[in-house]
Amino acid sequence: MKRIHQDKFKIYYENTDSSGFTYHAAYLSIAERARSNMLNKDFPELTEMLKKNSKFFVVKKIKIDFFKPSLLFDNLDIVTFYNGNSFTTLNLIQKIERNGINISLIDVKLVWIDGVKRKPIKIPTNIIYRFKSMDIV
């Protein structure tokens, strides 16, 4: 796996239940926001396609494991890894951590969609090449 993006998020009251524990669905929102930030930062041309609905990624399959709870006002790190691809899909792993402690692990498969035909299409080779060549330190 290749680490390709890192983001930080703070847990706010809206992300928690009355106990102060983070809602399980909030982790999916945080991971989605990290993927959006990655596209916006590293793939501005894909961001333009998304805005026009011409081509875009959608979640095909997602698996989430929970290890420890996060709480109100915790600062979380979301680390995204490239984990392979097929002609139409991109596989990413997203680790959510607090101070190096694993909170959650999300395995997501995204499919590349033609917005006009509303069907999966081949991901452009240059996009896959860029995912494969990305690496943050």
N, C-alpha and C. Protein backbone atom coordinates (compact mmCIF):
# COMPACT_ATOMS: atom_id res chain seq x y z
N MET A 1 0.85 -1.18 0.00
CA MET A 1 0.00 0.00 0.00
C MET A 1 0.89 1.24 0.00
N LYS A 2 0.39 2.25 -0.64
CA LYS A 2 1.14 3.48 -0.79
C LYS A 2 0.38 4.64 -0.15
N ARG A 3 0.99 5.30 0.82
CA ARG A 3 0.34 6.44 1.48
C ARG A 3 0.31 7.62 0.52
N ILE A 4 -0.90 8.15 0.26
CA ILE A 4 -1.03 9.20 -0.76
C ILE A 4 -1.63 10.50 -0.24
N HIS A 5 -2.22 10.48 0.95
CA HIS A 5 -2.84 11.71 1.45
C HIS A 5 -3.00 11.61 2.96
N GLN A 6 -2.90 12.77 3.60
CA GLN A 6 -3.15 12.82 5.03
C GLN A 6 -3.96 14.09 5.33
N ASP A 7 -4.91 13.95 6.21
CA ASP A 7 -5.80 15.06 6.56
C ASP A 7 -6.03 15.04 8.07
N LYS A 8 -6.49 16.16 8.60
CA LYS A 8 -6.78 16.27 10.03
C LYS A 8 -8.22 16.74 10.20
N PHE A 9 -8.89 16.19 11.21
CA PHE A 9 -10.26 16.58 11.52
C PHE A 9 -10.45 16.61 13.02
N LYS A 10 -11.26 17.54 13.46
CA LYS A 10 -11.63 17.63 14.88
C LYS A 10 -13.07 17.15 15.01
N ILE A 11 -13.34 16.39 16.05
CA ILE A 11 -14.69 15.92 16.32
C ILE A 11 -15.44 17.03 17.05
N TYR A 12 -16.58 17.41 16.49
CA TYR A 12 -17.44 18.44 17.08
C TYR A 12 -18.71 17.81 17.63
N TYR A 13 -19.46 18.60 18.36
CA TYR A 13 -20.68 18.13 18.99
C TYR A 13 -21.62 17.45 17.99
N GLU A 14 -21.72 18.02 16.78
CA GLU A 14 -22.61 17.46 15.75
C GLU A 14 -22.22 16.04 15.35
N ASN A 15 -20.97 15.63 15.63
CA ASN A 15 -20.49 14.29 15.28
C ASN A 15 -20.70 13.26 16.37
N THR A 16 -21.27 13.69 17.51
CA THR A 16 -21.33 12.80 18.66
C THR A 16 -22.76 12.56 19.13
N ASP A 17 -22.89 11.54 19.95
CA ASP A 17 -24.18 11.30 20.61
C ASP A 17 -24.12 11.91 22.01
N SER A 18 -25.13 11.70 22.82
CA SER A 18 -25.19 12.34 24.14
C SER A 18 -24.08 11.88 25.08
N SER A 19 -23.46 10.73 24.78
CA SER A 19 -22.36 10.24 25.61
C SER A 19 -21.03 10.92 25.27
N GLY A 20 -21.00 11.63 24.14
CA GLY A 20 -19.75 12.23 23.69
C GLY A 20 -18.97 11.34 22.75
N PHE A 21 -19.47 10.11 22.51
CA PHE A 21 -18.83 9.21 21.55
C PHE A 21 -19.22 9.65 20.13
N THR A 22 -18.29 9.47 19.21
CA THR A 22 -18.54 9.82 17.81
C THR A 22 -19.50 8.81 17.19
N TYR A 23 -20.51 9.32 16.48
CA TYR A 23 -21.43 8.44 15.74
C TYR A 23 -20.64 7.59 14.75
N HIS A 24 -21.04 6.35 14.57
CA HIS A 24 -20.34 5.48 13.63
C HIS A 24 -20.39 6.03 12.20
N ALA A 25 -21.51 6.64 11.82
CA ALA A 25 -21.64 7.18 10.45
C ALA A 25 -20.76 8.40 10.23
N ALA A 26 -20.35 9.08 11.29
CA ALA A 26 -19.48 10.26 11.15
C ALA A 26 -18.14 9.87 10.54
N TYR A 27 -17.68 8.65 10.81
CA TYR A 27 -16.40 8.20 10.25
C TYR A 27 -16.48 8.12 8.72
N LEU A 28 -17.64 7.72 8.21
CA LEU A 28 -17.82 7.68 6.76
C LEU A 28 -17.77 9.08 6.17
N SER A 29 -18.38 10.04 6.84
CA SER A 29 -18.35 11.44 6.39
C SER A 29 -16.94 12.00 6.43
N ILE A 30 -16.22 11.71 7.48
CA ILE A 30 -14.85 12.19 7.62
C ILE A 30 -13.97 11.61 6.51
N ALA A 31 -14.13 10.32 6.24
CA ALA A 31 -13.35 9.67 5.18
C ALA A 31 -13.69 10.26 3.82
N GLU A 32 -14.97 10.50 3.58
CA GLU A 32 -15.40 11.11 2.31
C GLU A 32 -14.80 12.50 2.16
N ARG A 33 -14.79 13.27 3.24
CA ARG A 33 -14.21 14.61 3.18
C ARG A 33 -12.72 14.54 2.89
N ALA A 34 -12.02 13.59 3.48
CA ALA A 34 -10.59 13.43 3.21
C ALA A 34 -10.34 13.07 1.74
N ARG A 35 -11.19 12.20 1.18
CA ARG A 35 -11.04 11.86 -0.25
C ARG A 35 -11.32 13.08 -1.12
N SER A 36 -12.33 13.86 -0.76
CA SER A 36 -12.64 15.09 -1.51
C SER A 36 -11.48 16.08 -1.43
N ASN A 37 -10.91 16.24 -0.24
CA ASN A 37 -9.76 17.14 -0.09
C ASN A 37 -8.57 16.67 -0.92
N MET A 38 -8.37 15.35 -0.98
CA MET A 38 -7.28 14.81 -1.78
C MET A 38 -7.50 15.13 -3.26
N LEU A 39 -8.71 14.91 -3.77
CA LEU A 39 -8.99 15.21 -5.17
C LEU A 39 -8.82 16.70 -5.44
N ASN A 40 -9.33 17.52 -4.55
CA ASN A 40 -9.25 18.96 -4.73
C ASN A 40 -7.80 19.45 -4.75
N LYS A 41 -6.97 18.87 -3.89
CA LYS A 41 -5.56 19.28 -3.79
C LYS A 41 -4.71 18.72 -4.93
N ASP A 42 -4.86 17.44 -5.21
CA ASP A 42 -3.93 16.76 -6.12
C ASP A 42 -4.48 16.49 -7.52
N PHE A 43 -5.78 16.63 -7.71
CA PHE A 43 -6.40 16.32 -9.00
C PHE A 43 -7.41 17.41 -9.38
N PRO A 44 -6.96 18.64 -9.60
CA PRO A 44 -7.91 19.72 -9.90
C PRO A 44 -8.74 19.46 -11.15
N GLU A 45 -8.20 18.74 -12.11
CA GLU A 45 -8.99 18.44 -13.32
C GLU A 45 -10.13 17.48 -13.01
N LEU A 46 -9.94 16.58 -12.07
CA LEU A 46 -11.03 15.69 -11.65
C LEU A 46 -12.09 16.47 -10.89
N THR A 47 -11.66 17.43 -10.10
CA THR A 47 -12.60 18.28 -9.39
C THR A 47 -13.51 19.02 -10.37
N GLU A 48 -12.94 19.50 -11.46
CA GLU A 48 -13.73 20.18 -12.49
C GLU A 48 -14.74 19.22 -13.13
N MET A 49 -14.30 17.99 -13.40
CA MET A 49 -15.23 16.98 -13.96
C MET A 49 -16.37 16.71 -12.99
N LEU A 50 -16.04 16.63 -11.70
CA LEU A 50 -17.07 16.40 -10.68
C LEU A 50 -18.09 17.53 -10.66
N LYS A 51 -17.59 18.76 -10.72
CA LYS A 51 -18.50 19.91 -10.69
C LYS A 51 -19.45 19.90 -11.89
N LYS A 52 -18.97 19.42 -13.03
CA LYS A 52 -19.79 19.39 -14.26
C LYS A 52 -20.59 18.10 -14.38
N ASN A 53 -20.37 17.16 -13.46
CA ASN A 53 -21.01 15.83 -13.52
C ASN A 53 -20.68 15.09 -14.80
N SER A 54 -19.54 15.38 -15.40
CA SER A 54 -19.18 14.68 -16.65
C SER A 54 -18.59 13.30 -16.35
N LYS A 55 -17.72 13.24 -15.34
CA LYS A 55 -17.13 11.97 -14.90
C LYS A 55 -16.85 12.11 -13.40
N PHE A 56 -16.99 10.98 -12.68
CA PHE A 56 -16.81 11.06 -11.24
C PHE A 56 -16.66 9.66 -10.65
N PHE A 57 -16.13 9.62 -9.44
CA PHE A 57 -16.04 8.38 -8.66
C PHE A 57 -17.27 8.27 -7.77
N VAL A 58 -17.79 7.06 -7.66
CA VAL A 58 -18.83 6.75 -6.68
C VAL A 58 -18.39 5.53 -5.88
N VAL A 59 -18.88 5.44 -4.67
CA VAL A 59 -18.56 4.29 -3.82
C VAL A 59 -19.31 3.08 -4.33
N LYS A 60 -18.57 2.03 -4.62
CA LYS A 60 -19.17 0.76 -5.03
C LYS A 60 -19.28 -0.19 -3.83
N LYS A 61 -18.25 -0.17 -3.00
CA LYS A 61 -18.22 -1.08 -1.86
C LYS A 61 -17.40 -0.42 -0.76
N ILE A 62 -17.87 -0.58 0.46
CA ILE A 62 -17.13 -0.01 1.58
C ILE A 62 -17.22 -0.95 2.78
N LYS A 63 -16.10 -1.10 3.46
CA LYS A 63 -16.04 -1.94 4.66
C LYS A 63 -15.35 -1.10 5.73
N ILE A 64 -15.94 -1.07 6.91
CA ILE A 64 -15.37 -0.27 7.98
C ILE A 64 -15.22 -1.12 9.23
N ASP A 65 -14.05 -1.01 9.84
CA ASP A 65 -13.78 -1.67 11.12
C ASP A 65 -13.58 -0.58 12.16
N PHE A 66 -14.14 -0.80 13.35
CA PHE A 66 -14.00 0.13 14.45
C PHE A 66 -13.14 -0.52 15.53
N PHE A 67 -12.15 0.22 16.01
CA PHE A 67 -11.24 -0.33 17.01
C PHE A 67 -11.39 0.34 18.37
N LYS A 68 -11.42 1.65 18.37
CA LYS A 68 -11.55 2.44 19.60
C LYS A 68 -12.50 3.59 19.32
N PRO A 69 -13.16 4.10 20.33
CA PRO A 69 -14.03 5.26 20.10
C PRO A 69 -13.22 6.55 20.02
N SER A 70 -13.77 7.51 19.34
CA SER A 70 -13.23 8.87 19.43
C SER A 70 -14.30 9.70 20.11
N LEU A 71 -13.86 10.81 20.71
CA LEU A 71 -14.74 11.59 21.57
C LEU A 71 -14.77 13.05 21.15
N LEU A 72 -15.70 13.76 21.72
CA LEU A 72 -15.87 15.18 21.47
C LEU A 72 -14.53 15.91 21.61
N PHE A 73 -14.20 16.70 20.60
CA PHE A 73 -13.00 17.53 20.51
C PHE A 73 -11.71 16.75 20.28
N ASP A 74 -11.80 15.45 20.00
CA ASP A 74 -10.60 14.71 19.60
C ASP A 74 -10.12 15.24 18.25
N ASN A 75 -8.80 15.26 18.10
CA ASN A 75 -8.18 15.59 16.81
C ASN A 75 -7.79 14.27 16.16
N LEU A 76 -8.31 14.04 14.96
CA LEU A 76 -8.08 12.79 14.25
C LEU A 76 -7.22 13.02 13.01
N ASP A 77 -6.39 12.04 12.71
CA ASP A 77 -5.64 12.00 11.46
C ASP A 77 -6.29 10.97 10.55
N ILE A 78 -6.50 11.34 9.30
CA ILE A 78 -7.05 10.42 8.31
C ILE A 78 -5.96 10.23 7.26
N VAL A 79 -5.45 9.01 7.18
CA VAL A 79 -4.37 8.69 6.25
C VAL A 79 -4.95 7.80 5.16
N THR A 80 -4.78 8.23 3.91
CA THR A 80 -5.34 7.51 2.77
C THR A 80 -4.22 6.81 2.02
N PHE A 81 -4.46 5.55 1.69
CA PHE A 81 -3.50 4.73 0.97
C PHE A 81 -4.10 4.26 -0.35
N TYR A 82 -3.30 4.26 -1.41
CA TYR A 82 -3.68 3.64 -2.69
C TYR A 82 -3.47 2.15 -2.51
N ASN A 83 -4.48 1.35 -2.87
CA ASN A 83 -4.41 -0.09 -2.67
C ASN A 83 -4.78 -0.87 -3.93
N GLY A 84 -4.50 -0.28 -5.10
CA GLY A 84 -4.71 -0.99 -6.35
C GLY A 84 -5.90 -0.48 -7.13
N ASN A 85 -6.06 -1.06 -8.30
CA ASN A 85 -7.16 -0.65 -9.19
C ASN A 85 -7.43 -1.75 -10.21
N SER A 86 -8.59 -1.63 -10.85
CA SER A 86 -8.91 -2.43 -12.03
C SER A 86 -9.14 -1.41 -13.14
N PHE A 87 -9.72 -1.82 -14.25
CA PHE A 87 -9.97 -0.87 -15.34
C PHE A 87 -10.92 0.24 -14.93
N THR A 88 -11.93 -0.08 -14.13
CA THR A 88 -12.96 0.90 -13.77
C THR A 88 -13.00 1.25 -12.29
N THR A 89 -12.22 0.55 -11.45
CA THR A 89 -12.29 0.79 -10.01
C THR A 89 -10.95 1.21 -9.42
N LEU A 90 -11.06 1.91 -8.31
CA LEU A 90 -9.91 2.37 -7.55
C LEU A 90 -10.12 1.90 -6.12
N ASN A 91 -9.11 1.27 -5.54
CA ASN A 91 -9.21 0.77 -4.18
C ASN A 91 -8.35 1.62 -3.25
N LEU A 92 -8.97 2.11 -2.18
CA LEU A 92 -8.28 2.92 -1.20
C LEU A 92 -8.50 2.35 0.19
N ILE A 93 -7.52 2.55 1.06
CA ILE A 93 -7.63 2.23 2.48
C ILE A 93 -7.49 3.55 3.22
N GLN A 94 -8.37 3.79 4.18
CA GLN A 94 -8.27 5.01 4.98
C GLN A 94 -8.22 4.64 6.46
N LYS A 95 -7.11 5.04 7.08
CA LYS A 95 -6.93 4.81 8.52
C LYS A 95 -7.29 6.09 9.26
N ILE A 96 -8.11 5.95 10.26
CA ILE A 96 -8.44 7.07 11.13
C ILE A 96 -7.75 6.81 12.46
N GLU A 97 -6.91 7.77 12.86
CA GLU A 97 -6.09 7.60 14.05
C GLU A 97 -6.21 8.82 14.97
N ARG A 98 -5.96 8.57 16.24
CA ARG A 98 -5.84 9.65 17.23
C ARG A 98 -4.54 9.41 17.97
N ASN A 99 -3.61 10.33 17.82
CA ASN A 99 -2.29 10.22 18.47
C ASN A 99 -1.64 8.86 18.21
N GLY A 100 -1.73 8.39 16.98
CA GLY A 100 -1.11 7.12 16.60
C GLY A 100 -1.90 5.89 16.98
N ILE A 101 -3.05 6.06 17.61
CA ILE A 101 -3.90 4.92 18.00
C ILE A 101 -4.96 4.72 16.93
N ASN A 102 -5.08 3.49 16.43
CA ASN A 102 -6.07 3.19 15.40
C ASN A 102 -7.48 3.30 15.97
N ILE A 103 -8.27 4.15 15.31
CA ILE A 103 -9.67 4.33 15.69
C ILE A 103 -10.56 3.53 14.75
N SER A 104 -10.27 3.62 13.45
CA SER A 104 -11.10 2.96 12.44
C SER A 104 -10.27 2.70 11.19
N LEU A 105 -10.66 1.68 10.45
CA LEU A 105 -10.03 1.36 9.17
C LEU A 105 -11.14 1.19 8.14
N ILE A 106 -11.03 1.94 7.05
CA ILE A 106 -12.05 1.93 6.01
C ILE A 106 -11.44 1.45 4.72
N ASP A 107 -12.02 0.42 4.15
CA ASP A 107 -11.60 -0.14 2.86
C ASP A 107 -12.69 0.24 1.87
N VAL A 108 -12.34 1.07 0.88
CA VAL A 108 -13.35 1.58 -0.05
C VAL A 108 -12.95 1.28 -1.49
N LYS A 109 -13.93 0.82 -2.25
CA LYS A 109 -13.76 0.61 -3.69
C LYS A 109 -14.62 1.64 -4.40
N LEU A 110 -13.96 2.45 -5.23
CA LEU A 110 -14.64 3.49 -5.99
C LEU A 110 -14.71 3.07 -7.45
N VAL A 111 -15.79 3.41 -8.11
CA VAL A 111 -15.92 3.10 -9.53
C VAL A 111 -16.01 4.43 -10.29
N TRP A 112 -15.35 4.48 -11.46
CA TRP A 112 -15.29 5.67 -12.31
C TRP A 112 -16.50 5.64 -13.24
N ILE A 113 -17.30 6.70 -13.19
CA ILE A 113 -18.58 6.75 -13.91
C ILE A 113 -18.55 7.84 -14.98
N ASP A 114 -19.10 7.52 -16.14
CA ASP A 114 -19.37 8.52 -17.17
C ASP A 114 -20.71 9.16 -16.80
N GLY A 115 -20.68 10.47 -16.52
CA GLY A 115 -21.88 11.17 -16.05
C GLY A 115 -22.99 11.26 -17.07
N VAL A 116 -22.64 11.22 -18.37
CA VAL A 116 -23.67 11.30 -19.41
C VAL A 116 -24.33 9.95 -19.60
N LYS A 117 -23.52 8.90 -19.74
CA LYS A 117 -24.05 7.55 -19.96
C LYS A 117 -24.51 6.88 -18.66
N ARG A 118 -24.05 7.43 -17.51
CA ARG A 118 -24.38 6.85 -16.21
C ARG A 118 -23.93 5.40 -16.09
N LYS A 119 -22.74 5.13 -16.66
CA LYS A 119 -22.18 3.78 -16.62
C LYS A 119 -20.71 3.83 -16.26
N PRO A 120 -20.20 2.74 -15.67
CA PRO A 120 -18.76 2.68 -15.41
C PRO A 120 -17.96 2.71 -16.71
N ILE A 121 -16.84 3.41 -16.66
CA ILE A 121 -15.92 3.45 -17.80
C ILE A 121 -14.50 3.27 -17.28
N LYS A 122 -13.58 3.04 -18.19
CA LYS A 122 -12.17 2.85 -17.84
C LYS A 122 -11.61 4.15 -17.25
N ILE A 123 -10.89 4.01 -16.15
CA ILE A 123 -10.21 5.15 -15.55
C ILE A 123 -9.05 5.52 -16.46
N PRO A 124 -8.89 6.79 -16.81
CA PRO A 124 -7.78 7.19 -17.68
C PRO A 124 -6.43 6.75 -17.11
N THR A 125 -5.58 6.26 -17.98
CA THR A 125 -4.27 5.75 -17.59
C THR A 125 -3.46 6.79 -16.83
N ASN A 126 -3.52 8.04 -17.28
CA ASN A 126 -2.73 9.07 -16.60
C ASN A 126 -3.19 9.29 -15.15
N ILE A 127 -4.47 9.09 -14.88
CA ILE A 127 -4.98 9.23 -13.52
C ILE A 127 -4.46 8.09 -12.65
N ILE A 128 -4.52 6.87 -13.16
CA ILE A 128 -4.01 5.72 -12.41
C ILE A 128 -2.52 5.88 -12.17
N TYR A 129 -1.79 6.31 -13.19
CA TYR A 129 -0.35 6.50 -13.05
C TYR A 129 -0.06 7.50 -11.92
N ARG A 130 -0.83 8.56 -11.85
CA ARG A 130 -0.61 9.57 -10.80
C ARG A 130 -0.91 9.00 -9.42
N PHE A 131 -1.95 8.19 -9.29
CA PHE A 131 -2.22 7.56 -8.00
C PHE A 131 -1.06 6.65 -7.61
N LYS A 132 -0.56 5.89 -8.58
CA LYS A 132 0.54 4.97 -8.31
C LYS A 132 1.83 5.70 -7.95
N SER A 133 2.04 6.88 -8.51
CA SER A 133 3.29 7.60 -8.28
C SER A 133 3.23 8.52 -7.06
N MET A 134 2.04 8.75 -6.51
CA MET A 134 1.92 9.61 -5.32
C MET A 134 2.52 8.92 -4.11
N ASP A 135 3.09 9.71 -3.25
CA ASP A 135 3.58 9.19 -1.99
C ASP A 135 3.87 10.37 -1.10
N ILE A 136 3.32 10.39 0.10
CA ILE A 136 3.62 11.48 1.01
C ILE A 136 4.54 10.95 2.10
N VAL A 137 5.29 11.82 2.66
CA VAL A 137 6.26 11.42 3.68
C VAL A 137 5.86 11.99 5.02
